[in-house]
């Protein structure tokens, strides 16, 4: 049977692995989201040059 020290060490390893996975997932999501933002900006209509401004 595992000692308390071994269980605590395994729990710390598990927590560390989960934290790493969460960070990696957040970074991946940020990388995936970035092109969408750039695409939205490029789809924004440019101001028309035909509009006449009143003096």
PDB file of N, CA and C in Angstrom:
ATOM      1  N   UNK A   1       0.853  -1.193   0.000  1.00  0.00           N
ATOM      2  CA  UNK A   1       0.000   0.000   0.000  1.00  0.00           C
ATOM      3  C   UNK A   1       0.893   1.249   0.000  1.00  0.00           C
ATOM      4  N   UNK A   2       0.463   2.274  -0.726  1.00  0.00           N
ATOM      5  CA  UNK A   2       1.249   3.503  -0.858  1.00  0.00           C
ATOM      6  C   UNK A   2       1.206   4.314   0.431  1.00  0.00           C
ATOM      7  N   UNK A   3       2.336   4.890   0.759  1.00  0.00           N
ATOM      8  CA  UNK A   3       2.403   5.735   1.944  1.00  0.00           C
ATOM      9  C   UNK A   3       1.773   7.092   1.646  1.00  0.00           C
ATOM     10  N   UNK A   4       1.519   7.841   2.703  1.00  0.00           N
ATOM     11  CA  UNK A   4       0.947   9.185   2.531  1.00  0.00           C
ATOM     12  C   UNK A   4       1.860  10.073   1.695  1.00  0.00           C
ATOM     13  N   UNK A   5       3.149   9.920   1.864  1.00  0.00           N
ATOM     14  CA  UNK A   5       4.119  10.721   1.116  1.00  0.00           C
ATOM     15  C   UNK A   5       4.011  10.410  -0.373  1.00  0.00           C
ATOM     16  N   UNK A   6       3.885   9.120  -0.698  1.00  0.00           N
ATOM     17  CA  UNK A   6       3.753   8.722  -2.104  1.00  0.00           C
ATOM     18  C   UNK A   6       2.448   9.231  -2.708  1.00  0.00           C
ATOM     19  N   UNK A   7       1.382   9.152  -1.939  1.00  0.00           N
ATOM     20  CA  UNK A   7       0.079   9.636  -2.413  1.00  0.00           C
ATOM     21  C   UNK A   7       0.125  11.146  -2.619  1.00  0.00           C
ATOM     22  N   UNK A   8       0.745  11.863  -1.689  1.00  0.00           N
ATOM     23  CA  UNK A   8       0.858  13.319  -1.811  1.00  0.00           C
ATOM     24  C   UNK A   8       1.686  13.692  -3.036  1.00  0.00           C
ATOM     25  N   UNK A   9       2.767  12.969  -3.273  1.00  0.00           N
ATOM     26  CA  UNK A   9       3.611  13.251  -4.437  1.00  0.00           C
ATOM     27  C   UNK A   9       2.848  12.972  -5.729  1.00  0.00           C
ATOM     28  N   UNK A  10       2.094  11.877  -5.756  1.00  0.00           N
ATOM     29  CA  UNK A  10       1.301  11.549  -6.947  1.00  0.00           C
ATOM     30  C   UNK A  10       0.221  12.598  -7.177  1.00  0.00           C
ATOM     31  N   UNK A  11      -0.386  13.077  -6.092  1.00  0.00           N
ATOM     32  CA  UNK A  11      -1.416  14.112  -6.214  1.00  0.00           C
ATOM     33  C   UNK A  11      -0.815  15.406  -6.751  1.00  0.00           C
ATOM     34  N   UNK A  12       0.369  15.767  -6.275  1.00  0.00           N
ATOM     35  CA  UNK A  12       1.038  16.975  -6.777  1.00  0.00           C
ATOM     36  C   UNK A  12       1.367  16.842  -8.257  1.00  0.00           C
ATOM     37  N   UNK A  13       1.825  15.649  -8.663  1.00  0.00           N
ATOM     38  CA  UNK A  13       2.118  15.411 -10.078  1.00  0.00           C
ATOM     39  C   UNK A  13       0.854  15.545 -10.920  1.00  0.00           C
ATOM     40  N   UNK A  14      -0.250  15.002 -10.408  1.00  0.00           N
ATOM     41  CA  UNK A  14      -1.518  15.073 -11.136  1.00  0.00           C
ATOM     42  C   UNK A  14      -1.986  16.519 -11.269  1.00  0.00           C
ATOM     43  N   UNK A  15      -1.908  17.278 -10.191  1.00  0.00           N
ATOM     44  CA  UNK A  15      -2.300  18.689 -10.228  1.00  0.00           C
ATOM     45  C   UNK A  15      -1.428  19.452 -11.218  1.00  0.00           C
ATOM     46  N   UNK A  16      -0.145  19.190 -11.194  1.00  0.00           N
ATOM     47  CA  UNK A  16       0.776  19.856 -12.111  1.00  0.00           C
ATOM     48  C   UNK A  16       0.439  19.516 -13.560  1.00  0.00           C
ATOM     49  N   UNK A  17       0.126  18.250 -13.822  1.00  0.00           N
ATOM     50  CA  UNK A  17      -0.224  17.831 -15.182  1.00  0.00           C
ATOM     51  C   UNK A  17      -1.513  18.498 -15.647  1.00  0.00           C
ATOM     52  N   UNK A  18      -2.487  18.589 -14.768  1.00  0.00           N
ATOM     53  CA  UNK A  18      -3.758  19.235 -15.124  1.00  0.00           C
ATOM     54  C   UNK A  18      -3.540  20.721 -15.384  1.00  0.00           C
ATOM     55  N   UNK A  19      -2.749  21.384 -14.545  1.00  0.00           N
ATOM     56  CA  UNK A  19      -2.460  22.805 -14.758  1.00  0.00           C
ATOM     57  C   UNK A  19      -1.760  23.026 -16.097  1.00  0.00           C
ATOM     58  N   UNK A  20      -0.825  22.154 -16.430  1.00  0.00           N
ATOM     59  CA  UNK A  20      -0.126  22.264 -17.716  1.00  0.00           C
ATOM     60  C   UNK A  20      -1.095  22.078 -18.877  1.00  0.00           C
ATOM     61  N   UNK A  21      -1.997  21.117 -18.751  1.00  0.00           N
ATOM     62  CA  UNK A  21      -2.979  20.867 -19.809  1.00  0.00           C
ATOM     63  C   UNK A  21      -3.914  22.058 -19.977  1.00  0.00           C
ATOM     64  N   UNK A  22      -4.317  22.663 -18.874  1.00  0.00           N
ATOM     65  CA  UNK A  22      -5.195  23.835 -18.934  1.00  0.00           C
ATOM     66  C   UNK A  22      -4.477  24.997 -19.614  1.00  0.00           C
ATOM     67  N   UNK A  23      -3.213  25.223 -19.252  1.00  0.00           N
ATOM     68  CA  UNK A  23      -2.433  26.288 -19.899  1.00  0.00           C
ATOM     69  C   UNK A  23      -2.286  26.029 -21.392  1.00  0.00           C
ATOM     70  N   UNK A  24      -1.974  24.791 -21.753  1.00  0.00           N
ATOM     71  CA  UNK A  24      -1.797  24.450 -23.170  1.00  0.00           C
ATOM     72  C   UNK A  24      -3.099  24.651 -23.940  1.00  0.00           C
ATOM     73  N   UNK A  25      -4.218  24.264 -23.340  1.00  0.00           N
ATOM     74  CA  UNK A  25      -5.514  24.441 -24.000  1.00  0.00           C
ATOM     75  C   UNK A  25      -5.840  25.920 -24.158  1.00  0.00           C
ATOM     76  N   UNK A  26      -5.545  26.724 -23.148  1.00  0.00           N
ATOM     77  CA  UNK A  26      -5.805  28.163 -23.225  1.00  0.00           C
ATOM     78  C   UNK A  26      -4.938  28.804 -24.299  1.00  0.00           C
ATOM     79  N   UNK A  27      -3.679  28.400 -24.387  1.00  0.00           N
ATOM     80  CA  UNK A  27      -2.790  28.941 -25.423  1.00  0.00           C
ATOM     81  C   UNK A  27      -3.267  28.538 -26.810  1.00  0.00           C
ATOM     82  N   UNK A  28      -3.708  27.283 -26.960  1.00  0.00           N
ATOM     83  CA  UNK A  28      -4.198  26.810 -28.256  1.00  0.00           C
ATOM     84  C   UNK A  28      -5.444  27.594 -28.652  1.00  0.00           C
ATOM     85  N   UNK A  29      -6.327  27.835 -27.683  1.00  0.00           N
ATOM     86  CA  UNK A  29      -7.551  28.582 -27.976  1.00  0.00           C
ATOM     87  C   UNK A  29      -7.203  30.009 -28.382  1.00  0.00           C
ATOM     88  N   UNK A  30      -6.220  30.610 -27.736  1.00  0.00           N
ATOM     89  CA  UNK A  30      -5.803  31.971 -28.082  1.00  0.00           C
ATOM     90  C   UNK A  30      -5.227  32.008 -29.489  1.00  0.00           C
ATOM     91  N   UNK A  31      -4.452  31.003 -29.858  1.00  0.00           N
ATOM     92  CA  UNK A  31      -3.862  30.948 -31.200  1.00  0.00           C
ATOM     93  C   UNK A  31      -4.958  30.782 -32.242  1.00  0.00           C
ATOM     94  N   UNK A  32      -5.948  29.957 -31.948  1.00  0.00           N
ATOM     95  CA  UNK A  32      -7.049  29.727 -32.890  1.00  0.00           C
ATOM     96  C   UNK A  32      -7.914  30.973 -32.996  1.00  0.00           C
ATOM     97  N   UNK A  33      -8.123  31.690 -31.898  1.00  0.00           N
ATOM     98  CA  UNK A  33      -8.998  32.864 -31.900  1.00  0.00           C
ATOM     99  C   UNK A  33      -8.365  34.043 -32.623  1.00  0.00           C
ATOM    100  N   UNK A  34      -7.065  34.151 -32.633  1.00  0.00           N
ATOM    101  CA  UNK A  34      -6.393  35.305 -33.222  1.00  0.00           C
ATOM    102  C   UNK A  34      -6.710  35.502 -34.701  1.00  0.00           C
ATOM    103  N   UNK A  35      -6.653  34.471 -35.563  1.00  0.00           N
ATOM    104  CA  UNK A  35      -6.989  34.690 -36.980  1.00  0.00           C
ATOM    105  C   UNK A  35      -8.433  35.153 -37.180  1.00  0.00           C
ATOM    106  N   UNK A  36      -9.358  34.672 -36.337  1.00  0.00           N
ATOM    107  CA  UNK A  36     -10.750  35.093 -36.456  1.00  0.00           C
ATOM    108  C   UNK A  36     -10.880  36.590 -36.221  1.00  0.00           C
ATOM    109  N   UNK A  37     -10.183  37.107 -35.231  1.00  0.00           N
ATOM    110  CA  UNK A  37     -10.235  38.535 -34.933  1.00  0.00           C
ATOM    111  C   UNK A  37      -9.670  39.320 -36.107  1.00  0.00           C
ATOM    112  N   UNK A  38      -8.560  38.868 -36.650  1.00  0.00           N
ATOM    113  CA  UNK A  38      -7.957  39.553 -37.797  1.00  0.00           C
ATOM    114  C   UNK A  38      -8.900  39.508 -38.990  1.00  0.00           C
ATOM    115  N   UNK A  39      -9.591  38.388 -39.168  1.00  0.00           N
ATOM    116  CA  UNK A  39     -10.526  38.261 -40.287  1.00  0.00           C
ATOM    117  C   UNK A  39     -11.704  39.210 -40.102  1.00  0.00           C
ATOM    118  N   UNK A  40     -12.218  39.317 -38.862  1.00  0.00           N
ATOM    119  CA  UNK A  40     -13.331  40.228 -38.601  1.00  0.00           C
ATOM    120  C   UNK A  40     -12.926  41.666 -38.905  1.00  0.00           C
ATOM    121  N   UNK A  41     -11.722  42.032 -38.535  1.00  0.00           N
ATOM    122  CA  UNK A  41     -11.252  43.393 -38.781  1.00  0.00           C
ATOM    123  C   UNK A  41     -11.156  43.643 -40.277  1.00  0.00           C
ATOM    124  N   UNK A  42     -10.660  42.668 -41.033  1.00  0.00           N
ATOM    125  CA  UNK A  42     -10.502  42.862 -42.474  1.00  0.00           C
ATOM    126  C   UNK A  42     -11.851  42.909 -43.183  1.00  0.00           C
ATOM    127  N   UNK A  43     -12.898  42.343 -42.576  1.00  0.00           N
ATOM    128  CA  UNK A  43     -14.218  42.357 -43.196  1.00  0.00           C
ATOM    129  C   UNK A  43     -14.979  43.651 -42.912  1.00  0.00           C
ATOM    130  N   UNK A  44     -14.460  44.486 -42.055  1.00  0.00           N
ATOM    131  CA  UNK A  44     -15.122  45.743 -41.731  1.00  0.00           C
ATOM    132  C   UNK A  44     -15.140  46.622 -42.975  1.00  0.00           C
ATOM    133  N   UNK A  45     -16.320  47.099 -43.373  1.00  0.00           N
ATOM    134  CA  UNK A  45     -16.367  47.923 -44.586  1.00  0.00           C
ATOM    135  C   UNK A  45     -15.572  49.211 -44.421  1.00  0.00           C
ATOM    136  N   UNK A  46     -14.886  49.573 -45.463  1.00  0.00           N
ATOM    137  CA  UNK A  46     -14.113  50.811 -45.428  1.00  0.00           C
ATOM    138  C   UNK A  46     -15.052  51.987 -45.677  1.00  0.00           C
ATOM    139  N   UNK A  47     -14.745  53.146 -45.122  1.00  0.00           N
ATOM    140  CA  UNK A  47     -15.604  54.316 -45.350  1.00  0.00           C
ATOM    141  C   UNK A  47     -15.655  54.649 -46.837  1.00  0.00           C
ATOM    142  N   UNK A  48     -16.821  54.999 -47.278  1.00  0.00           N
ATOM    143  CA  UNK A  48     -16.995  55.321 -48.694  1.00  0.00           C
ATOM    144  C   UNK A  48     -16.404  56.692 -48.986  1.00  0.00           C
ATOM    145  N   UNK A  49     -15.761  56.809 -50.144  1.00  0.00           N
ATOM    146  CA  UNK A  49     -15.194  58.100 -50.540  1.00  0.00           C
ATOM    147  C   UNK A  49     -16.215  58.916 -51.324  1.00  0.00           C
ATOM    148  N   UNK A  50     -17.389  58.318 -51.626  1.00  0.00           N
ATOM    149  CA  UNK A  50     -18.425  59.007 -52.397  1.00  0.00           C
ATOM    150  C   UNK A  50     -19.205  60.007 -51.540  1.00  0.00           C
ATOM    151  N   UNK A  51     -19.206  59.794 -50.242  1.00  0.00           N
ATOM    152  CA  UNK A  51     -20.027  60.621 -49.360  1.00  0.00           C
ATOM    153  C   UNK A  51     -19.520  62.059 -49.403  1.00  0.00           C
ATOM    154  N   UNK A  52     -20.436  62.957 -49.702  1.00  0.00           N
ATOM    155  CA  UNK A  52     -20.059  64.370 -49.775  1.00  0.00           C
ATOM    156  C   UNK A  52     -20.315  65.007 -48.419  1.00  0.00           C
ATOM    157  N   UNK A  53     -19.347  65.739 -47.950  1.00  0.00           N
ATOM    158  CA  UNK A  53     -19.503  66.425 -46.679  1.00  0.00           C
ATOM    159  C   UNK A  53     -19.992  67.837 -46.955  1.00  0.00           C
ATOM    160  N   UNK A  54     -20.940  68.267 -46.133  1.00  0.00           N
ATOM    161  CA  UNK A  54     -21.461  69.623 -46.316  1.00  0.00           C
ATOM    162  C   UNK A  54     -20.467  70.624 -45.743  1.00  0.00           C
ATOM    163  N   UNK A  55     -20.281  71.756 -46.401  1.00  0.00           N
ATOM    164  CA  UNK A  55     -19.315  72.755 -45.913  1.00  0.00           C
ATOM    165  C   UNK A  55     -19.775  73.430 -44.638  1.00  0.00           C
TER     166      UNK A  55
END
